[in-house]
Protein backbone atom coordinates (compact mmCIF):
# COMPACT_ATOMS: atom_id res chain seq x y z
CA UNK A 1 18.75 -16.33 13.50
CA UNK A 2 17.57 -14.25 10.63
CA UNK A 3 16.88 -10.40 11.16
CA UNK A 4 13.11 -9.70 11.65
CA UNK A 5 12.20 -6.96 8.97
CA UNK A 6 9.93 -4.24 9.73
CA UNK A 7 6.79 -3.32 7.53
CA UNK A 8 4.86 -0.11 7.64
CA UNK A 9 1.33 -0.30 6.02
CA UNK A 10 -0.76 2.56 4.86
CA UNK A 11 -4.37 2.25 4.81
CA UNK A 12 -7.60 4.49 4.02
CA UNK A 13 -10.55 1.77 4.58
CA UNK A 14 -11.59 -1.47 6.07
CA UNK A 15 -8.17 -3.02 5.83
CA UNK A 16 -8.91 -6.40 4.53
CA UNK A 17 -5.67 -6.62 2.80
CA UNK A 18 -3.91 -5.30 5.99
CA UNK A 19 -5.70 -8.22 7.89
CA UNK A 20 -4.07 -10.67 5.14
CA UNK A 21 -0.72 -9.00 5.96
CA UNK A 22 -1.47 -9.30 9.75
CA UNK A 23 -2.39 -13.10 9.45
CA UNK A 24 0.79 -13.67 7.23
CA UNK A 25 3.37 -12.09 9.26
CA UNK A 26 6.17 -14.15 10.79
CA UNK A 27 4.61 -17.30 9.21
CA UNK A 28 6.23 -19.20 6.13
CA UNK A 29 4.14 -16.92 3.81
CA UNK A 30 5.88 -13.61 5.36
CA UNK A 31 8.88 -15.03 7.23
CA UNK A 32 10.80 -13.11 9.59
CA UNK A 33 8.56 -9.98 9.03
CA UNK A 34 6.36 -7.88 11.47
CA UNK A 35 4.01 -5.00 10.79
CA UNK A 36 5.57 -2.19 13.04
CA UNK A 37 3.05 0.50 11.99
CA UNK A 38 -0.14 0.94 10.39
CA UNK A 39 -0.94 4.68 9.51
CA UNK A 40 -4.20 6.15 8.07
CA UNK A 41 -5.43 9.38 6.41
CA UNK A 42 -8.66 8.49 7.77
CA UNK A 43 -9.52 8.68 11.55
CA UNK A 44 -12.56 6.21 10.96
CA UNK A 45 -10.61 3.60 8.99
CA UNK A 46 -11.56 0.17 10.31
CA UNK A 47 -7.94 -0.96 9.47
CA UNK A 48 -6.86 0.94 12.45
CA UNK A 49 -9.12 -1.16 14.63
CA UNK A 50 -7.72 -4.28 13.06
CA UNK A 51 -4.14 -3.01 14.03
CA UNK A 52 -5.14 -2.48 17.73
CA UNK A 53 -6.91 -5.63 18.16
CA UNK A 54 -4.01 -7.77 16.61
CA UNK A 55 -2.00 -9.93 18.73
CA UNK A 56 0.29 -8.31 19.75
CA UNK A 57 -1.25 -4.92 19.02
CA UNK A 58 0.20 -3.07 16.11
CA UNK A 59 1.26 0.71 16.75
CA UNK A 60 -1.04 3.24 14.83
CA UNK A 61 -0.71 6.64 13.29
CA UNK A 62 -3.27 8.98 11.88
CA UNK A 63 -2.85 12.32 9.87
CA UNK A 64 -5.50 13.61 7.45
CA UNK A 65 -4.49 16.28 4.80
CA UNK A 66 -7.33 18.86 5.35
CA UNK A 67 -7.05 19.04 9.08
CA UNK A 68 -3.29 19.16 8.73
CA UNK A 69 -3.64 22.15 6.22
CA UNK A 70 -6.19 23.75 8.64
CA UNK A 71 -3.89 23.44 11.78
CA UNK A 72 -0.69 24.43 9.64
CA UNK A 73 -1.29 27.93 7.98
CA UNK A 74 0.81 28.26 4.86
CA UNK A 75 1.51 24.42 4.59
CA UNK A 76 1.02 22.85 1.24
CA UNK A 77 0.18 19.09 0.16
CA UNK A 78 3.80 18.74 -0.37
CA UNK A 79 4.59 19.60 3.29
CA UNK A 80 1.71 17.29 4.22
CA UNK A 81 3.25 14.24 2.24
CA UNK A 82 6.88 15.24 3.93
CA UNK A 83 5.16 14.74 7.33
CA UNK A 84 3.64 11.51 6.49
CA UNK A 85 7.22 10.45 5.31
CA UNK A 86 8.59 11.52 8.58
CA UNK A 87 6.06 9.24 10.53
CA UNK A 88 6.13 6.12 8.40
CA UNK A 89 9.95 6.32 7.71
CA UNK A 90 11.17 7.47 11.06
CA UNK A 91 12.06 3.94 12.39
CA UNK A 92 13.82 3.03 9.06
CA UNK A 93 11.40 0.20 8.06
CA UNK A 94 12.47 -2.67 5.40
CA UNK A 95 9.17 -2.02 3.44
CA UNK A 96 6.26 0.41 2.86
CA UNK A 97 3.06 -0.98 1.55
CA UNK A 98 0.09 1.04 0.31
CA UNK A 99 -2.89 -1.07 0.83
CA UNK A 100 -5.90 0.71 -0.04
CA UNK A 101 -4.38 3.96 0.57
CA UNK A 102 -6.47 6.63 -1.07
CA UNK A 103 -3.97 9.50 -1.41
CA UNK A 104 -2.00 10.26 -4.48
CA UNK A 105 1.53 10.97 -3.03
CA UNK A 106 3.86 13.85 -4.70
CA UNK A 107 7.56 13.35 -4.72
CA UNK A 108 7.67 14.22 -0.76
CA UNK A 109 7.39 10.55 0.13
CA UNK A 110 9.50 8.97 -2.65
CA UNK A 111 12.51 11.36 -2.34
CA UNK A 112 12.61 10.41 1.41
CA UNK A 113 12.02 6.93 0.79
CA UNK A 114 14.71 6.84 -1.73
CA UNK A 115 17.24 8.81 0.44
CA UNK A 116 17.30 11.66 -1.56
CA UNK A 117 16.14 14.10 0.95
CA UNK A 118 16.47 13.99 4.69
CA UNK A 119 13.51 12.90 6.98
CA UNK A 120 14.41 16.11 8.99
CA UNK A 121 17.23 18.38 8.99
CA UNK A 122 20.39 16.33 8.79
CA UNK A 123 18.62 12.85 9.55
CA UNK A 124 19.01 10.45 6.53
CA UNK A 125 17.55 6.92 6.22
CA UNK A 126 20.31 4.04 6.58
CA UNK A 127 19.26 2.84 3.46
CA UNK A 128 16.40 3.32 0.63
CA UNK A 129 12.97 1.91 1.65
CA UNK A 130 11.05 0.17 -1.11
CA UNK A 131 7.34 1.40 -1.51
CA UNK A 132 4.74 -0.83 -3.24
CA UNK A 133 1.10 -0.36 -4.05
CA UNK A 134 -1.76 -2.80 -4.54
CA UNK A 135 -3.81 -1.90 -7.72
CA UNK A 136 -6.93 -3.80 -8.76
CA UNK A 137 -6.14 -3.63 -12.41
CA UNK A 138 -3.69 -4.97 -14.81
CA UNK A 139 -0.56 -2.85 -15.74
CA UNK A 140 -1.41 0.08 -17.96
CA UNK A 141 -5.11 -0.22 -17.53
CA UNK A 142 -7.53 1.84 -15.64
CA UNK A 143 -4.82 3.76 -13.51
CA UNK A 144 -6.13 5.86 -10.47
CA UNK A 145 -9.42 5.54 -8.73
CA UNK A 146 -12.39 3.32 -9.12
CA UNK A 147 -10.58 0.88 -11.16
CA UNK A 148 -12.82 -2.06 -10.30
CA UNK A 149 -16.01 -0.36 -11.25
CA UNK A 150 -14.50 0.84 -14.58
CA UNK A 151 -12.88 -2.42 -15.39
CA UNK A 152 -16.17 -4.28 -14.98
CA UNK A 153 -18.27 -1.80 -16.69
CA UNK A 154 -15.71 -1.87 -19.76
CA UNK A 155 -15.72 -5.99 -19.75
CA UNK A 156 -19.59 -6.09 -19.49
CA UNK A 157 -19.91 -3.58 -22.56
CA UNK A 158 -17.25 -5.82 -24.42
CA UNK A 159 -14.51 -3.08 -24.50
CA UNK A 160 -11.82 -5.27 -22.62
CA UNK A 161 -11.45 -9.47 -22.80
CA UNK A 162 -9.69 -9.45 -19.24
CA UNK A 163 -8.92 -7.85 -16.13
CA UNK A 164 -6.88 -8.41 -12.95
CA UNK A 165 -4.77 -7.08 -10.16
CA UNK A 166 -1.12 -6.05 -9.55
CA UNK A 167 1.23 -5.05 -7.01
CA UNK A 168 3.87 -2.59 -8.25
CA UNK A 169 6.52 -0.32 -7.15
CA UNK A 170 5.61 3.19 -6.51
CA UNK A 171 6.80 6.10 -8.67
CA UNK A 172 5.66 9.63 -9.29
CA UNK A 173 3.19 8.51 -12.09
CA UNK A 174 0.14 7.04 -10.77
CA UNK A 175 0.05 3.12 -10.88
CA UNK A 176 2.88 3.06 -13.36
CA UNK A 177 5.60 1.67 -11.47
CA UNK A 178 7.41 -1.52 -12.23
CA UNK A 179 4.83 -4.48 -11.65
CA UNK A 180 6.06 -6.97 -8.84
CA UNK A 181 3.13 -9.54 -9.09
CA UNK A 182 0.43 -9.43 -11.71
CA UNK A 183 -2.54 -11.79 -11.71
CA UNK A 184 -5.55 -11.98 -13.90
CA UNK A 185 -8.83 -12.40 -12.23
CA UNK A 186 -11.97 -14.34 -14.04
CA UNK A 187 -14.79 -12.10 -14.79
CA UNK A 188 -17.88 -13.07 -16.38
CA UNK A 189 -20.63 -11.74 -18.58
CA UNK A 190 -23.67 -10.52 -16.72
CA UNK A 191 -22.42 -11.52 -13.08
CA UNK A 192 -23.33 -8.81 -10.43
CA UNK A 193 -20.20 -6.68 -9.67
CA UNK A 194 -20.39 -7.72 -5.88
CA UNK A 195 -19.57 -11.33 -7.16
CA UNK A 196 -16.62 -10.05 -9.08
CA UNK A 197 -15.47 -7.99 -6.25
CA UNK A 198 -15.35 -10.67 -3.88
CA UNK A 199 -13.36 -12.96 -6.08
CA UNK A 200 -10.91 -10.03 -6.76
CA UNK A 201 -10.34 -9.17 -3.27
CA UNK A 202 -9.57 -12.77 -2.54
CA UNK A 203 -6.82 -12.54 -4.84
CA UNK A 204 -5.54 -9.21 -3.53
CA UNK A 205 -5.22 -10.82 0.00
CA UNK A 206 -2.82 -13.48 -1.63
CA UNK A 207 -0.65 -11.13 -3.87
CA UNK A 208 -0.10 -8.45 -1.48
CA UNK A 209 1.33 -10.93 0.95
CA UNK A 210 3.34 -12.80 -2.04
CA UNK A 211 4.58 -9.30 -3.33
CA UNK A 212 5.75 -8.13 0.20
CA UNK A 213 7.77 -11.38 0.63
CA UNK A 214 9.36 -11.04 -2.71
CA UNK A 215 10.54 -7.61 -2.22
CA UNK A 216 12.02 -8.16 1.31
CA UNK A 217 13.68 -11.37 -0.14
CA UNK A 218 15.11 -9.40 -3.06
CA UNK A 219 16.34 -6.69 -0.84
CA UNK A 220 17.98 -9.02 1.50
CA UNK A 221 19.90 -10.52 -1.41
CA UNK A 222 21.23 -7.21 -2.68
C-alpha cells in the first residue's frame, strides 16, 4: 500500500483554498495524502474553523508576529520565522503549502525546510521539504500583495491584455520561484471586480490541488 504523505497548509484568512485541499485529500485528485496541520498567523482566520470541522478534524496551530515579539523581548522577525518553521516542520511533512498566507518569510523557514539549518539544536529534517505558494498573477507580474486588484485595474486601463494565477516554489524573492502550474484566467472589459474574483478563485481551487499532487508525485520519483 502506498505511503500516506503529510501536507501542512499555512493560511491567514477564510481558507477557501484550504477547503479545496481538504475536499481533495485522499481522493484521486490528491491520492495518498492528508493534511496533518493547518497553521495561521491570524487567530480569527476562518480557515482554522474549516480545519477543526473537517472529518476527521485537522490539528491547528496559531502564532502571530506582533504578539510573539511582545511576549519575547529581544526577539526579531527572523526569530519568528524560525519558530514558525519549527512548528510546521517538526513532524517532517512531505509538503508545505502557503494558501493565502499573508506573511513574507525571510530565509528562516526556507533554510530549515531545505535542511540547511536545524529546527532545534542538533535536530535536522530527514529530507528537504518543498514549500509552494499560490499567487493570483502570472509569473513576473504583480508580485506581492493586492495582485488581483492591481491586475484588474491594469486590464481595465488597457495596460495589460491578460492575467491569471500560478502556484510556484517559494524562494527568498517574493513570488519569483519556479512556477509549477500557470493558468490564464479570462477577464472582461467593464465587468465588476467581484465577478472576475469569483472566476479567479474557482480556478485557484483547482490548480492548488493539481500543484500539490504534482509536487508530491515528483518528490516520490526522486
